[in-house]
Each structure stands twice: as structure tokens, then as C-alpha cells.
Amino acid sequence: MALAVAAAWDGIPPRPAFWQEARVRAKVREIENWSDDDLPRVVSHTFARRARRRVIHLPRARVAALRADSRVLKSGVCDPRLVIVCEPAKLPSHASVLLEAYLPWRYFAAVLRDHGLPSWDQMGKDASPGSSHELTTATATATATATATATDAGTELPVVLRRSDGWLEQVPRLFSMADLLEREDNICTDAAVRLFRGRRRLP
């Protein structure tokens, strides 16, 4: 249901059961009335269960390979739409050292196999929404290490993967906003607001 609503708000034809279509339309109309000040609360609450989440650490070369894989849908701090709505100085500073992405169910097993990733159950424990301190600390550590040893191919960087059990062609803006808001820092919150405003300006 959350995916159907988020997709519909982006203008992507949703795939809800016929008896849910009225609910989807009503929720989309409600979203149009959300204010910028309401976003951190309502987005985080509405889309709290959008996907299952894992955090793993990989060498830089493997992170780059994942980023380049078209089956891996970048989101949050890595959302390519941020460069359209944000000035470079307004982008989350750790976007360059972290991969944050969704793995659609139909590609899930193949991506894990092709990139030699551990099974879902062997990855880091599912971090609940709001636990951004853990991720921020890990990112800061990785950033400092990468700066100190820029040529070290063994440097491991944090990667956030979310498994979508539903259909997913692209990451809805509202999902990406929820990913940004989980970090609970001003830069990411501002980026989420700008992503929201950018959608509002579309025809």
C-alpha cells in the first residue's frame, strides 16, 4: 500500500488491488497538502515500513561496482535526483562515500550472487528507523579512513541496502525522502524538503 501511494504521487501508475484504489487516491490528495514543516513527522510515520533494511561494509571497488549496476536503485543520500533540486553545497556531505539503495525482489538473488554479497540473514542486523547515529558514526569513520588512505583498495565503506518485496521500477521520491529523514541531520532533512518541492513543480 505504501508503495502504491508513493508511486501514484510520483505519477507512476500504481498497482493496488481494485478495492484499495480509492484509498490510494485519497492519500495522494492528502500528501499534496503536507507542509514542509510536517514532512519529517508524516513521511517517517507513513513510510516507516517501506522496506527491510541492512547495513554492510564493502571495499571501495565493490561499492563502485554496485553503484554502477542498473538493477540497484539508488536512494537517500545517493538519489541522483538530488543534484537537480539541490545546489552542490546543499547535498549531504557523505553521499560520495556511501551507497544507499533498494534491491527489487525480482533482481534480489541475482544481485547478491553477481556481487558476491552475503545472504540477507548474514548481513548486519536490521537497523530500525531513527538509528542514524550508528550509521553517521560508521560513515564518519569510513570518511576519515578513506581520506587518510585514499589509494587503499581495502578501505571498507558503509552500504545501506533495502529489500523491496513489492514491484519496484524506480525509487519513489517519498521513499527516498524517508531514507534521508532517518539520518536526523539538518542537511539531509533540507535535502528531503527540496526533493518534495521539486516533485510539486513537475507538471
Protein backbone atom coordinates (compact mmCIF):
# COMPACT_ATOMS: atom_id res chain seq x y z
CA MET A 1 0.00 0.00 0.00
CA ALA A 2 2.81 2.43 0.89
CA LEU A 3 4.49 1.69 -2.43
CA ALA A 4 1.25 2.21 -4.34
CA VAL A 5 0.74 5.60 -2.68
CA ALA A 6 4.33 6.75 -3.18
CA ALA A 7 4.33 5.64 -6.82
CA ALA A 8 1.00 7.33 -7.52
CA TRP A 9 2.30 10.60 -6.06
CA ASP A 10 5.24 10.37 -8.49
CA GLY A 11 2.83 9.87 -11.39
CA ILE A 12 3.68 6.18 -11.79
CA PRO A 13 0.59 4.03 -12.38
CA PRO A 14 0.06 2.18 -9.08
CA ARG A 15 -0.79 -1.49 -8.79
CA PRO A 16 -3.06 -1.70 -5.75
CA ALA A 17 -5.95 -4.13 -5.52
CA PHE A 18 -9.06 -2.60 -7.07
CA TRP A 19 -10.68 -2.14 -3.66
CA GLN A 20 -7.73 -0.01 -2.50
CA GLU A 21 -7.69 2.45 -5.40
CA ALA A 22 -9.92 4.97 -3.60
CA ARG A 23 -7.62 4.85 -0.55
CA VAL A 24 -4.57 5.48 -2.76
CA ARG A 25 -6.20 8.48 -4.43
CA ALA A 26 -7.29 9.90 -1.08
CA LYS A 27 -3.78 9.53 0.37
CA VAL A 28 -2.20 11.22 -2.66
CA ARG A 29 -4.56 14.18 -2.22
CA GLU A 30 -3.56 14.33 1.45
CA ILE A 31 0.13 14.37 0.57
CA GLU A 32 -0.41 17.38 -1.69
CA ASN A 33 -1.44 19.31 1.43
CA TRP A 34 1.56 18.37 3.55
CA SER A 35 3.63 21.36 4.58
CA ASP A 36 7.43 21.46 4.65
CA ASP A 37 7.32 21.63 8.45
CA ASP A 38 5.20 18.46 8.59
CA LEU A 39 7.50 16.39 6.39
CA PRO A 40 9.87 14.84 8.96
CA ARG A 41 6.95 13.58 11.04
CA VAL A 42 4.44 12.50 8.43
CA VAL A 43 6.86 10.98 5.91
CA SER A 44 8.72 8.98 8.53
CA HIS A 45 5.46 7.70 10.01
CA THR A 46 3.63 6.98 6.75
CA PHE A 47 6.50 5.11 5.12
CA ALA A 48 8.17 3.56 8.18
CA ARG A 49 7.62 0.01 6.88
CA ARG A 50 8.51 0.66 3.23
CA ALA A 51 11.26 -1.99 3.04
CA ARG A 52 13.62 -4.18 5.06
CA ARG A 53 17.00 -2.61 5.76
CA ARG A 54 20.56 -3.88 6.19
CA VAL A 55 23.95 -2.20 6.64
CA ILE A 56 27.11 -3.87 5.35
CA HIS A 57 30.69 -2.71 4.72
CA LEU A 58 32.46 -3.35 1.43
CA PRO A 59 35.76 -2.37 -0.22
CA ARG A 60 35.60 0.73 -2.37
CA ALA A 61 35.85 -1.19 -5.66
CA ARG A 62 32.87 -3.38 -4.78
CA VAL A 63 30.82 -0.36 -3.73
CA ALA A 64 31.61 1.22 -7.10
CA ALA A 65 30.53 -1.95 -8.91
CA LEU A 66 27.23 -1.97 -7.03
CA ARG A 67 26.65 1.70 -7.78
CA ALA A 68 27.14 1.02 -11.49
CA ASP A 69 24.64 -1.88 -11.56
CA SER A 70 21.36 -0.68 -13.09
CA ARG A 71 19.42 -3.22 -11.04
CA VAL A 72 20.49 -1.43 -7.85
CA LEU A 73 18.17 1.55 -7.39
CA LYS A 74 19.97 4.40 -5.62
CA SER A 75 18.11 6.30 -2.93
CA GLY A 76 18.52 8.61 0.04
CA VAL A 77 21.89 10.36 0.04
CA CYS A 78 22.70 8.66 -3.29
CA ASP A 79 19.47 9.61 -5.03
CA PRO A 80 20.51 11.06 -8.43
CA ARG A 81 17.52 13.45 -8.30
CA LEU A 82 19.20 15.41 -5.52
CA VAL A 83 21.61 17.03 -7.97
CA ILE A 84 18.59 18.52 -9.77
CA VAL A 85 16.92 20.06 -6.72
CA CYS A 86 19.96 20.84 -4.54
CA GLU A 87 22.96 23.04 -5.05
CA PRO A 88 26.21 21.06 -4.68
CA ALA A 89 26.87 22.71 -1.32
CA LYS A 90 23.43 21.58 -0.12
CA LEU A 91 23.97 17.89 -0.87
CA PRO A 92 24.60 15.50 2.03
CA SER A 93 28.36 15.54 2.53
CA HIS A 94 28.65 11.74 2.92
CA ALA A 95 26.83 10.90 -0.34
CA SER A 96 30.12 10.24 -2.12
CA VAL A 97 31.30 7.56 0.29
CA LEU A 98 28.10 5.65 0.92
CA LEU A 99 25.85 3.58 -1.30
CA GLU A 100 22.22 3.67 -0.25
CA ALA A 101 19.93 1.66 -2.49
CA TYR A 102 16.92 -0.59 -2.96
CA LEU A 103 17.10 -4.11 -4.37
CA PRO A 104 13.87 -5.02 -6.18
CA TRP A 105 12.68 -8.51 -5.32
CA ARG A 106 12.93 -9.80 -8.89
CA TYR A 107 16.66 -8.93 -9.02
CA PHE A 108 17.49 -9.58 -5.39
CA ALA A 109 19.06 -13.06 -5.60
CA ALA A 110 20.92 -12.27 -8.82
CA VAL A 111 22.48 -9.07 -7.42
CA LEU A 112 23.68 -10.86 -4.29
CA ARG A 113 25.17 -13.65 -6.41
CA ASP A 114 26.76 -11.44 -9.07
CA HIS A 115 28.45 -9.18 -6.50
CA GLY A 116 29.44 -11.93 -4.08
CA LEU A 117 27.37 -10.46 -1.25
CA PRO A 118 26.41 -12.43 1.85
CA SER A 119 22.88 -13.70 2.23
CA TRP A 120 20.32 -11.29 3.65
CA ASP A 121 20.34 -13.05 7.04
CA GLN A 122 24.15 -12.82 7.20
CA MET A 123 24.21 -9.06 6.67
CA GLY A 124 24.18 -6.59 9.57
CA LYS A 125 21.14 -6.60 11.78
CA ASP A 126 18.16 -4.63 10.57
CA ALA A 127 18.63 -1.10 11.91
CA SER A 128 15.34 0.43 12.98
CA PRO A 129 14.31 3.89 11.74
CA GLY A 130 15.83 6.66 13.80
CA SER A 131 19.09 4.81 14.49
CA SER A 132 21.05 7.24 12.34
CA HIS A 133 23.74 7.71 15.00
CA GLU A 134 25.12 4.27 14.24
CA LEU A 135 25.20 4.97 10.52
CA THR A 136 26.54 8.50 10.92
CA THR A 137 29.35 7.24 13.16
CA ALA A 138 30.21 4.48 10.70
CA THR A 139 30.18 6.93 7.83
CA ALA A 140 32.37 9.43 9.66
CA THR A 141 34.87 6.67 10.45
CA ALA A 142 34.88 5.46 6.84
CA THR A 143 35.27 9.01 5.55
CA ALA A 144 38.24 9.66 7.83
CA THR A 145 39.83 6.35 6.81
CA ALA A 146 39.24 7.00 3.12
CA THR A 147 40.80 10.44 3.45
CA ALA A 148 43.85 9.08 5.23
CA THR A 149 44.32 6.17 2.79
CA ALA A 150 42.76 7.37 -0.45
CA THR A 151 44.63 4.81 -2.53
CA ASP A 152 43.98 1.87 -0.20
CA ALA A 153 41.79 -0.53 -2.21
CA GLY A 154 40.93 -2.38 1.00
CA THR A 155 39.16 0.57 2.62
CA GLU A 156 35.66 -0.55 3.54
CA LEU A 157 32.70 1.80 3.19
CA PRO A 158 29.21 1.51 4.65
CA VAL A 159 26.43 0.40 2.31
CA VAL A 160 22.73 0.57 3.13
CA LEU A 161 20.59 -1.90 1.23
CA ARG A 162 16.82 -2.13 1.38
CA ARG A 163 14.91 -5.12 0.05
CA SER A 164 11.63 -4.33 -1.63
CA ASP A 165 9.22 -7.27 -1.61
CA GLY A 166 6.84 -5.47 -3.97
CA TRP A 167 7.15 -4.34 -7.58
CA LEU A 168 9.66 -1.52 -7.96
CA GLU A 169 10.76 0.13 -11.20
CA GLN A 170 12.32 3.19 -9.57
CA VAL A 171 12.56 4.55 -6.05
CA PRO A 172 9.60 6.84 -5.31
CA ARG A 173 10.60 10.28 -4.07
CA LEU A 174 8.69 9.73 -0.83
CA PHE A 175 10.72 6.59 -0.09
CA SER A 176 13.96 8.45 -0.79
CA MET A 177 12.79 11.29 1.44
CA ALA A 178 12.06 8.82 4.24
CA ASP A 179 15.60 7.41 3.82
CA LEU A 180 17.07 10.91 4.13
CA LEU A 181 14.94 11.77 7.15
CA GLU A 182 16.11 8.66 9.01
CA ARG A 183 19.51 10.30 9.33
CA GLU A 184 18.09 13.06 11.52
CA ASP A 185 20.57 15.74 10.48
CA ASN A 186 19.79 19.17 9.08
CA ILE A 187 21.49 18.69 5.71
CA CYS A 188 19.56 15.50 4.95
CA THR A 189 16.28 16.99 6.21
CA ASP A 190 16.79 20.01 3.95
CA ALA A 191 17.55 17.70 1.01
CA ALA A 192 14.31 15.78 1.68
CA VAL A 193 12.31 19.01 1.69
CA ARG A 194 13.91 20.11 -1.59
CA LEU A 195 13.10 16.72 -3.14
CA PHE A 196 9.49 17.20 -2.07
CA ARG A 197 9.31 20.71 -3.51
CA GLY A 198 10.91 19.50 -6.75
CA ARG A 199 8.11 16.97 -7.28
CA ARG A 200 5.49 19.67 -6.65
CA ARG A 201 6.91 21.75 -9.52
CA LEU A 202 6.55 18.93 -12.03
CA PRO A 203 3.58 19.13 -14.45
